[in-house]
PDB file of N, CA and C in Angstrom:
ATOM      1  N   GLY A   1       3.302   8.227  46.859  1.00  0.00           N
ATOM      2  CA  GLY A   1       3.105   7.737  45.728  1.00  0.00           C
ATOM      3  C   GLY A   1       4.400   7.993  44.752  1.00  0.00           C
ATOM      4  N   PRO A   2       4.069   7.936  43.428  1.00  0.00           N
ATOM      5  CA  PRO A   2       5.561   8.092  42.821  1.00  0.00           C
ATOM      6  C   PRO A   2       6.427   8.973  42.394  1.00  0.00           C
ATOM      7  N   HIS A   3       5.377  10.636  42.908  1.00  0.00           N
ATOM      8  CA  HIS A   3       5.659  11.314  42.647  1.00  0.00           C
ATOM      9  C   HIS A   3       6.661  12.151  44.167  1.00  0.00           C
ATOM     10  N   VAL A   4       6.958  11.219  44.882  1.00  0.00           N
ATOM     11  CA  VAL A   4       7.497  11.597  46.255  1.00  0.00           C
ATOM     12  C   VAL A   4       8.324  10.826  46.583  1.00  0.00           C
ATOM     13  N   GLY A   5       9.711  11.453  47.539  1.00  0.00           N
ATOM     14  CA  GLY A   5      10.792  10.774  47.740  1.00  0.00           C
ATOM     15  C   GLY A   5      12.052  10.880  47.328  1.00  0.00           C
ATOM     16  N   PHE A   6      12.748  10.565  47.746  1.00  0.00           N
ATOM     17  CA  PHE A   6      14.369  11.078  47.811  1.00  0.00           C
ATOM     18  C   PHE A   6      14.696  11.004  46.211  1.00  0.00           C
ATOM     19  N   GLY A   7      15.168  12.590  45.780  1.00  0.00           N
ATOM     20  CA  GLY A   7      15.435  12.705  44.433  1.00  0.00           C
ATOM     21  C   GLY A   7      14.438  13.056  43.698  1.00  0.00           C
ATOM     22  N   ALA A   8      13.254  13.029  44.059  1.00  0.00           N
ATOM     23  CA  ALA A   8      12.232  13.626  43.308  1.00  0.00           C
ATOM     24  C   ALA A   8      11.946  14.961  43.598  1.00  0.00           C
ATOM     25  N   ILE A   9      11.851  15.958  42.363  1.00  0.00           N
ATOM     26  CA  ILE A   9      12.007  17.251  42.643  1.00  0.00           C
ATOM     27  C   ILE A   9      10.388  17.165  41.896  1.00  0.00           C
ATOM     28  N   TRP A  10       9.695  18.602  42.328  1.00  0.00           N
ATOM     29  CA  TRP A  10       8.700  18.816  41.930  1.00  0.00           C
ATOM     30  C   TRP A  10       9.014  20.634  40.585  1.00  0.00           C
ATOM     31  N   PRO A  11       8.551  20.329  39.980  1.00  0.00           N
ATOM     32  CA  PRO A  11       9.005  21.623  38.941  1.00  0.00           C
ATOM     33  C   PRO A  11       7.640  22.910  39.281  1.00  0.00           C
ATOM     34  N   MET A  12       7.116  22.184  39.909  1.00  0.00           N
ATOM     35  CA  MET A  12       6.258  23.700  40.831  1.00  0.00           C
ATOM     36  C   MET A  12       6.861  24.586  41.807  1.00  0.00           C
ATOM     37  N   SER A  13       8.210  23.559  42.274  1.00  0.00           N
ATOM     38  CA  SER A  13       8.603  24.619  43.526  1.00  0.00           C
ATOM     39  C   SER A  13       9.794  24.669  42.549  1.00  0.00           C
ATOM     40  N   VAL A  14      10.316  24.906  41.662  1.00  0.00           N
ATOM     41  CA  VAL A  14      11.532  25.078  41.093  1.00  0.00           C
ATOM     42  C   VAL A  14      10.458  26.896  40.244  1.00  0.00           C
ATOM     43  N   ILE A  15       9.546  26.746  39.750  1.00  0.00           N
ATOM     44  CA  ILE A  15       8.473  27.844  39.556  1.00  0.00           C
ATOM     45  C   ILE A  15       8.359  28.841  40.572  1.00  0.00           C
ATOM     46  N   MET A  16       8.419  28.758  41.942  1.00  0.00           N
ATOM     47  CA  MET A  16       7.780  29.127  42.644  1.00  0.00           C
ATOM     48  C   MET A  16       9.043  30.042  43.146  1.00  0.00           C
ATOM     49  N   ARG A  17      10.192  28.932  42.965  1.00  0.00           N
ATOM     50  CA  ARG A  17      11.708  29.757  43.638  1.00  0.00           C
ATOM     51  C   ARG A  17      11.423  30.509  42.669  1.00  0.00           C
ATOM     52  N   ALA A  18      11.567  30.905  41.492  1.00  0.00           N
ATOM     53  CA  ALA A  18      11.711  31.757  40.290  1.00  0.00           C
ATOM     54  C   ALA A  18      10.630  32.992  40.689  1.00  0.00           C
ATOM     55  N   LEU A  19       9.500  32.373  40.886  1.00  0.00           N
ATOM     56  CA  LEU A  19       8.593  33.317  41.017  1.00  0.00           C
ATOM     57  C   LEU A  19       8.891  34.553  41.797  1.00  0.00           C
ATOM     58  N   THR A  20       9.522  33.816  42.859  1.00  0.00           N
ATOM     59  CA  THR A  20       9.482  35.070  44.403  1.00  0.00           C
ATOM     60  C   THR A  20      11.198  35.640  44.570  1.00  0.00           C
ATOM     61  N   SER A  21      11.867  34.969  43.444  1.00  0.00           N
ATOM     62  CA  SER A  21      13.355  35.407  43.547  1.00  0.00           C
ATOM     63  C   SER A  21      13.785  36.597  42.792  1.00  0.00           C
ATOM     64  N   THR A  22      14.526  37.813  43.577  1.00  0.00           N
ATOM     65  CA  THR A  22      14.584  38.744  42.517  1.00  0.00           C
ATOM     66  C   THR A  22      16.256  38.638  42.225  1.00  0.00           C
ATOM     67  N   ASP A  23      17.142  37.596  42.067  1.00  0.00           N
ATOM     68  CA  ASP A  23      18.227  37.507  41.938  1.00  0.00           C
ATOM     69  C   ASP A  23      18.051  37.226  40.087  1.00  0.00           C
ATOM     70  N   ASP A  24      18.845  37.896  39.384  1.00  0.00           N
ATOM     71  CA  ASP A  24      18.581  37.399  37.825  1.00  0.00           C
ATOM     72  C   ASP A  24      19.329  36.215  37.604  1.00  0.00           C
ATOM     73  N   ARG A  25      20.247  35.671  38.336  1.00  0.00           N
ATOM     74  CA  ARG A  25      21.313  34.437  38.256  1.00  0.00           C
ATOM     75  C   ARG A  25      20.277  33.343  38.988  1.00  0.00           C
ATOM     76  N   GLU A  26      19.490  33.738  39.580  1.00  0.00           N
ATOM     77  CA  GLU A  26      18.776  32.614  40.516  1.00  0.00           C
ATOM     78  C   GLU A  26      17.723  32.098  39.527  1.00  0.00           C
ATOM     79  N   ILE A  27      17.119  33.180  38.812  1.00  0.00           N
ATOM     80  CA  ILE A  27      15.931  33.037  38.105  1.00  0.00           C
ATOM     81  C   ILE A  27      16.244  32.320  36.745  1.00  0.00           C
ATOM     82  N   LEU A  28      17.418  32.464  36.372  1.00  0.00           N
ATOM     83  CA  LEU A  28      18.293  31.796  34.962  1.00  0.00           C
ATOM     84  C   LEU A  28      18.375  30.540  35.620  1.00  0.00           C
ATOM     85  N   ALA A  29      18.837  29.975  36.409  1.00  0.00           N
ATOM     86  CA  ALA A  29      18.985  28.408  36.456  1.00  0.00           C
ATOM     87  C   ALA A  29      17.319  27.910  37.346  1.00  0.00           C
ATOM     88  N   CYS A  30      17.043  28.277  37.573  1.00  0.00           N
ATOM     89  CA  CYS A  30      15.286  27.503  37.169  1.00  0.00           C
ATOM     90  C   CYS A  30      14.295  27.532  36.328  1.00  0.00           C
ATOM     91  N   MET A  31      15.390  28.781  35.500  1.00  0.00           N
ATOM     92  CA  MET A  31      14.644  28.395  34.166  1.00  0.00           C
ATOM     93  C   MET A  31      15.525  27.369  33.337  1.00  0.00           C
ATOM     94  N   ASP A  32      16.628  27.026  33.925  1.00  0.00           N
ATOM     95  CA  ASP A  32      17.324  25.937  33.562  1.00  0.00           C
ATOM     96  C   ASP A  32      16.854  24.850  32.987  1.00  0.00           C
ATOM     97  N   THR A  33      16.302  24.454  34.716  1.00  0.00           N
ATOM     98  CA  THR A  33      16.275  23.061  35.144  1.00  0.00           C
ATOM     99  C   THR A  33      14.932  23.264  34.815  1.00  0.00           C
ATOM    100  N   LEU A  34      13.849  23.959  34.980  1.00  0.00           N
ATOM    101  CA  LEU A  34      12.747  23.606  33.800  1.00  0.00           C
ATOM    102  C   LEU A  34      12.944  22.950  32.732  1.00  0.00           C
ATOM    103  N   ILE A  35      13.504  24.167  31.841  1.00  0.00           N
ATOM    104  CA  ILE A  35      13.643  23.464  30.214  1.00  0.00           C
ATOM    105  C   ILE A  35      14.450  21.904  30.176  1.00  0.00           C
ATOM    106  N   LYS A  36      14.820  21.781  31.186  1.00  0.00           N
ATOM    107  CA  LYS A  36      15.856  20.258  31.378  1.00  0.00           C
ATOM    108  C   LYS A  36      14.943  19.649  31.312  1.00  0.00           C
ATOM    109  N   SER A  37      14.144  19.584  32.427  1.00  0.00           N
ATOM    110  CA  SER A  37      13.375  18.929  33.715  1.00  0.00           C
ATOM    111  C   SER A  37      12.144  18.690  32.339  1.00  0.00           C
ATOM    112  N   SER A  38      11.753  19.329  31.070  1.00  0.00           N
ATOM    113  CA  SER A  38      11.019  18.831  30.485  1.00  0.00           C
ATOM    114  C   SER A  38      10.744  17.328  29.654  1.00  0.00           C
ATOM    115  N   ALA A  39      12.685  17.156  29.349  1.00  0.00           N
ATOM    116  CA  ALA A  39      12.718  16.324  28.709  1.00  0.00           C
ATOM    117  C   ALA A  39      12.917  15.921  27.361  1.00  0.00           C
ATOM    118  N   GLY A  40      12.488  17.403  26.844  1.00  0.00           N
ATOM    119  CA  GLY A  40      12.568  17.514  24.912  1.00  0.00           C
ATOM    120  C   GLY A  40      10.922  17.243  25.034  1.00  0.00           C
ATOM    121  N   THR A  41      10.331  17.143  25.912  1.00  0.00           N
ATOM    122  CA  THR A  41       8.806  16.986  25.608  1.00  0.00           C
ATOM    123  C   THR A  41       7.765  18.093  25.386  1.00  0.00           C
ATOM    124  N   GLY A  42       8.059  19.228  25.548  1.00  0.00           N
ATOM    125  CA  GLY A  42       7.978  20.187  25.675  1.00  0.00           C
ATOM    126  C   GLY A  42       6.972  20.599  26.749  1.00  0.00           C
ATOM    127  N   PHE A  43       6.584  19.895  27.646  1.00  0.00           N
ATOM    128  CA  PHE A  43       5.391  20.138  28.709  1.00  0.00           C
ATOM    129  C   PHE A  43       6.677  20.070  30.100  1.00  0.00           C
ATOM    130  N   LEU A  44       6.180  20.529  31.357  1.00  0.00           N
ATOM    131  CA  LEU A  44       6.318  20.165  32.615  1.00  0.00           C
ATOM    132  C   LEU A  44       5.707  18.826  33.547  1.00  0.00           C
ATOM    133  N   HIS A  45       6.569  18.308  34.164  1.00  0.00           N
ATOM    134  CA  HIS A  45       5.628  17.213  34.793  1.00  0.00           C
ATOM    135  C   HIS A  45       5.639  17.508  36.209  1.00  0.00           C
ATOM    136  N   GLU A  46       4.766  16.534  36.767  1.00  0.00           N
ATOM    137  CA  GLU A  46       4.647  16.266  38.077  1.00  0.00           C
ATOM    138  C   GLU A  46       5.901  16.291  39.230  1.00  0.00           C
ATOM    139  N   SER A  47       7.039  15.666  38.691  1.00  0.00           N
ATOM    140  CA  SER A  47       8.098  15.449  39.431  1.00  0.00           C
ATOM    141  C   SER A  47       9.139  14.780  38.434  1.00  0.00           C
ATOM    142  N   PHE A  48      10.058  14.998  38.552  1.00  0.00           N
ATOM    143  CA  PHE A  48      11.565  14.190  37.980  1.00  0.00           C
ATOM    144  C   PHE A  48      12.286  13.934  38.994  1.00  0.00           C
ATOM    145  N   ASN A  49      13.038  13.186  38.214  1.00  0.00           N
ATOM    146  CA  ASN A  49      14.370  12.124  39.154  1.00  0.00           C
ATOM    147  C   ASN A  49      15.676  13.632  39.032  1.00  0.00           C
ATOM    148  N   MET A  50      16.079  13.967  40.149  1.00  0.00           N
ATOM    149  CA  MET A  50      17.044  14.800  39.923  1.00  0.00           C
ATOM    150  C   MET A  50      18.232  14.428  39.493  1.00  0.00           C
ATOM    151  N   ASN A  51      18.144  12.822  38.747  1.00  0.00           N
ATOM    152  CA  ASN A  51      19.717  13.212  38.316  1.00  0.00           C
ATOM    153  C   ASN A  51      19.807  11.992  36.679  1.00  0.00           C
ATOM    154  N   ASP A  52      17.902  11.820  36.523  1.00  0.00           N
ATOM    155  CA  ASP A  52      17.766  11.685  35.562  1.00  0.00           C
ATOM    156  C   ASP A  52      16.513  12.461  34.919  1.00  0.00           C
ATOM    157  N   PHE A  53      16.552  13.422  34.026  1.00  0.00           N
ATOM    158  CA  PHE A  53      15.347  14.487  33.603  1.00  0.00           C
ATOM    159  C   PHE A  53      14.743  13.737  33.246  1.00  0.00           C
ATOM    160  N   SER A  54      14.638  12.335  32.025  1.00  0.00           N
ATOM    161  CA  SER A  54      14.084  11.584  31.453  1.00  0.00           C
ATOM    162  C   SER A  54      12.936  10.616  32.083  1.00  0.00           C
ATOM    163  N   ASP A  55      13.607  10.574  33.581  1.00  0.00           N
ATOM    164  CA  ASP A  55      12.726   9.643  34.765  1.00  0.00           C
ATOM    165  C   ASP A  55      11.638  10.558  35.418  1.00  0.00           C
ATOM    166  N   TYR A  56      10.500  10.728  35.073  1.00  0.00           N
ATOM    167  CA  TYR A  56       9.901  11.902  34.964  1.00  0.00           C
ATOM    168  C   TYR A  56       7.967  11.046  35.365  1.00  0.00           C
ATOM    169  N   THR A  57       6.939  12.067  36.381  1.00  0.00           N
ATOM    170  CA  THR A  57       5.841  11.687  36.333  1.00  0.00           C
ATOM    171  C   THR A  57       5.065  12.277  35.963  1.00  0.00           C
ATOM    172  N   ARG A  58       3.919  11.538  35.708  1.00  0.00           N
ATOM    173  CA  ARG A  58       2.956  12.381  34.258  1.00  0.00           C
ATOM    174  C   ARG A  58       3.567  13.376  33.577  1.00  0.00           C
ATOM    175  N   PRO A  59       3.283  12.446  31.878  1.00  0.00           N
ATOM    176  CA  PRO A  59       3.464  12.958  31.048  1.00  0.00           C
ATOM    177  C   PRO A  59       3.164  14.639  30.884  1.00  0.00           C
ATOM    178  N   TRP A  60       1.491  14.952  31.142  1.00  0.00           N
ATOM    179  CA  TRP A  60       1.085  16.323  31.025  1.00  0.00           C
ATOM    180  C   TRP A  60       0.492  16.570  32.377  1.00  0.00           C
ATOM    181  N   PHE A  61       0.986  17.359  33.173  1.00  0.00           N
ATOM    182  CA  PHE A  61       0.838  17.979  34.422  1.00  0.00           C
ATOM    183  C   PHE A  61       0.012  19.551  34.222  1.00  0.00           C
ATOM    184  N   ALA A  62      -0.912  19.699  34.032  1.00  0.00           N
ATOM    185  CA  ALA A  62      -1.934  20.732  33.642  1.00  0.00           C
ATOM    186  C   ALA A  62      -1.786  22.023  34.709  1.00  0.00           C
ATOM    187  N   TRP A  63      -1.669  21.827  36.237  1.00  0.00           N
ATOM    188  CA  TRP A  63      -1.424  22.666  37.012  1.00  0.00           C
ATOM    189  C   TRP A  63       0.051  23.382  36.791  1.00  0.00           C
ATOM    190  N   VAL A  64       0.894  22.677  36.864  1.00  0.00           N
ATOM    191  CA  VAL A  64       2.568  22.932  36.575  1.00  0.00           C
ATOM    192  C   VAL A  64       2.636  23.744  35.546  1.00  0.00           C
ATOM    193  N   ASN A  65       2.100  23.149  34.215  1.00  0.00           N
ATOM    194  CA  ASN A  65       2.145  23.991  33.254  1.00  0.00           C
ATOM    195  C   ASN A  65       1.672  25.239  33.054  1.00  0.00           C
ATOM    196  N   GLY A  66       0.073  25.765  33.753  1.00  0.00           N
ATOM    197  CA  GLY A  66      -0.042  26.553  33.902  1.00  0.00           C
ATOM    198  C   GLY A  66       0.256  27.629  34.693  1.00  0.00           C
ATOM    199  N   LEU A  67       1.198  26.612  35.868  1.00  0.00           N
ATOM    200  CA  LEU A  67       1.671  27.956  36.505  1.00  0.00           C
ATOM    201  C   LEU A  67       3.252  28.552  36.356  1.00  0.00           C
ATOM    202  N   PHE A  68       3.480  27.888  35.194  1.00  0.00           N
ATOM    203  CA  PHE A  68       4.851  27.890  34.369  1.00  0.00           C
ATOM    204  C   PHE A  68       4.462  29.272  33.292  1.00  0.00           C
ATOM    205  N   GLY A  69       3.188  29.250  32.808  1.00  0.00           N
ATOM    206  CA  GLY A  69       2.523  30.230  32.228  1.00  0.00           C
ATOM    207  C   GLY A  69       2.458  31.461  32.817  1.00  0.00           C
ATOM    208  N   GLU A  70       2.180  31.541  34.140  1.00  0.00           N
ATOM    209  CA  GLU A  70       1.915  32.488  34.693  1.00  0.00           C
ATOM    210  C   GLU A  70       3.580  33.186  35.048  1.00  0.00           C
ATOM    211  N   LEU A  71       4.666  32.173  35.058  1.00  0.00           N
ATOM    212  CA  LEU A  71       6.125  32.713  35.593  1.00  0.00           C
ATOM    213  C   LEU A  71       6.364  33.350  33.802  1.00  0.00           C
ATOM    214  N   ALA A  72       5.991  33.070  33.401  1.00  0.00           N
ATOM    215  CA  ALA A  72       6.462  33.806  31.701  1.00  0.00           C
ATOM    216  C   ALA A  72       5.912  34.747  31.774  1.00  0.00           C
ATOM    217  N   MET A  73       4.511  34.897  31.906  1.00  0.00           N
ATOM    218  CA  MET A  73       4.128  36.622  32.285  1.00  0.00           C
ATOM    219  C   MET A  73       4.966  37.547  32.852  1.00  0.00           C
ATOM    220  N   GLN A  74       5.089  36.763  34.111  1.00  0.00           N
ATOM    221  CA  GLN A  74       5.789  37.658  34.944  1.00  0.00           C
ATOM    222  C   GLN A  74       7.261  38.443  34.477  1.00  0.00           C
ATOM    223  N   LEU A  75       7.642  37.189  33.846  1.00  0.00           N
ATOM    224  CA  LEU A  75       9.011  37.920  33.287  1.00  0.00           C
ATOM    225  C   LEU A  75       9.354  38.478  32.490  1.00  0.00           C
ATOM    226  N   VAL A  76       8.333  38.463  31.666  1.00  0.00           N
ATOM    227  CA  VAL A  76       8.482  39.354  30.472  1.00  0.00           C
ATOM    228  C   VAL A  76       7.819  40.774  31.396  1.00  0.00           C
ATOM    229  N   GLU A  77       6.527  40.796  32.199  1.00  0.00           N
ATOM    230  CA  GLU A  77       6.920  41.767  32.816  1.00  0.00           C
ATOM    231  C   GLU A  77       7.827  42.765  33.490  1.00  0.00           C
ATOM    232  N   ALA A  78       8.544  41.682  34.060  1.00  0.00           N
ATOM    233  CA  ALA A  78       9.280  42.274  35.363  1.00  0.00           C
ATOM    234  C   ALA A  78      10.476  42.167  35.061  1.00  0.00           C
ATOM    235  N   HIS A  79      11.414  41.373  33.902  1.00  0.00           N
ATOM    236  CA  HIS A  79      12.572  41.247  34.023  1.00  0.00           C
ATOM    237  C   HIS A  79      12.663  40.796  32.653  1.00  0.00           C
ATOM    238  N   PRO A  80      12.155  41.670  31.606  1.00  0.00           N
ATOM    239  CA  PRO A  80      12.480  41.463  30.037  1.00  0.00           C
ATOM    240  C   PRO A  80      13.790  41.250  29.491  1.00  0.00           C
ATOM    241  N   GLY A  81      14.883  41.995  29.768  1.00  0.00           N
ATOM    242  CA  GLY A  81      15.973  41.271  29.516  1.00  0.00           C
ATOM    243  C   GLY A  81      16.346  39.867  29.956  1.00  0.00           C
ATOM    244  N   LEU A  82      16.093  39.476  30.791  1.00  0.00           N
ATOM    245  CA  LEU A  82      15.723  37.873  30.907  1.00  0.00           C
ATOM    246  C   LEU A  82      15.396  37.078  29.940  1.00  0.00           C
ATOM    247  N   VAL A  83      13.647  37.575  29.498  1.00  0.00           N
ATOM    248  CA  VAL A  83      13.429  36.798  28.363  1.00  0.00           C
ATOM    249  C   VAL A  83      14.381  36.764  27.283  1.00  0.00           C
ATOM    250  N   LEU A  84      14.904  37.586  26.435  1.00  0.00           N
ATOM    251  CA  LEU A  84      15.581  38.129  25.620  1.00  0.00           C
ATOM    252  C   LEU A  84      16.988  36.924  25.874  1.00  0.00           C
ATOM    253  N   GLN A  85      17.201  36.898  26.871  1.00  0.00           N
ATOM    254  CA  GLN A  85      18.493  36.135  27.400  1.00  0.00           C
ATOM    255  C   GLN A  85      18.194  35.113  27.057  1.00  0.00           C
ATOM    256  N   LEU A  86      17.366  34.427  27.382  1.00  0.00           N
ATOM    257  CA  LEU A  86      17.037  32.508  27.113  1.00  0.00           C
ATOM    258  C   LEU A  86      16.677  32.460  25.753  1.00  0.00           C
ATOM    259  N   LYS A  87      15.857  33.709  25.333  1.00  0.00           N
ATOM    260  CA  LYS A  87      15.811  33.370  23.961  1.00  0.00           C
ATOM    261  C   LYS A  87      16.856  33.253  23.075  1.00  0.00           C
ATOM    262  N   GLU A  88      18.047  33.668  23.579  1.00  0.00           N
ATOM    263  CA  GLU A  88      19.242  33.781  22.919  1.00  0.00           C
ATOM    264  C   GLU A  88      19.976  32.784  23.211  1.00  0.00           C
ATOM    265  N   GLU A  89      20.034  31.960  24.407  1.00  0.00           N
ATOM    266  CA  GLU A  89      20.248  30.997  24.877  1.00  0.00           C
ATOM    267  C   GLU A  89      19.895  29.874  23.880  1.00  0.00           C
ATOM    268  N   GLY A  90      18.185  29.864  24.225  1.00  0.00           N
ATOM    269  CA  GLY A  90      17.872  28.421  23.532  1.00  0.00           C
ATOM    270  C   GLY A  90      17.853  28.099  21.800  1.00  0.00           C
TER     271      GLY A  90
END
């Protein structure tokens, strides 16, 4: 399908990496990637091109956006300092 293949990254995989990481730098890098991959739409997509964040599949993908909500809740609980850092950078 169009959401797989060389260069197609699944935001869901980036979220899972952040959810399972204990390294603040890795979590921040994941969040940066997720924010950029939204391509200014405010939503996460099914997949995005690793070289062009504006090249994505599904403008709205509920599953990944729901999983992102879970990540946000975990960060607030387990890494509140990172949330504040993200707010300052954003």
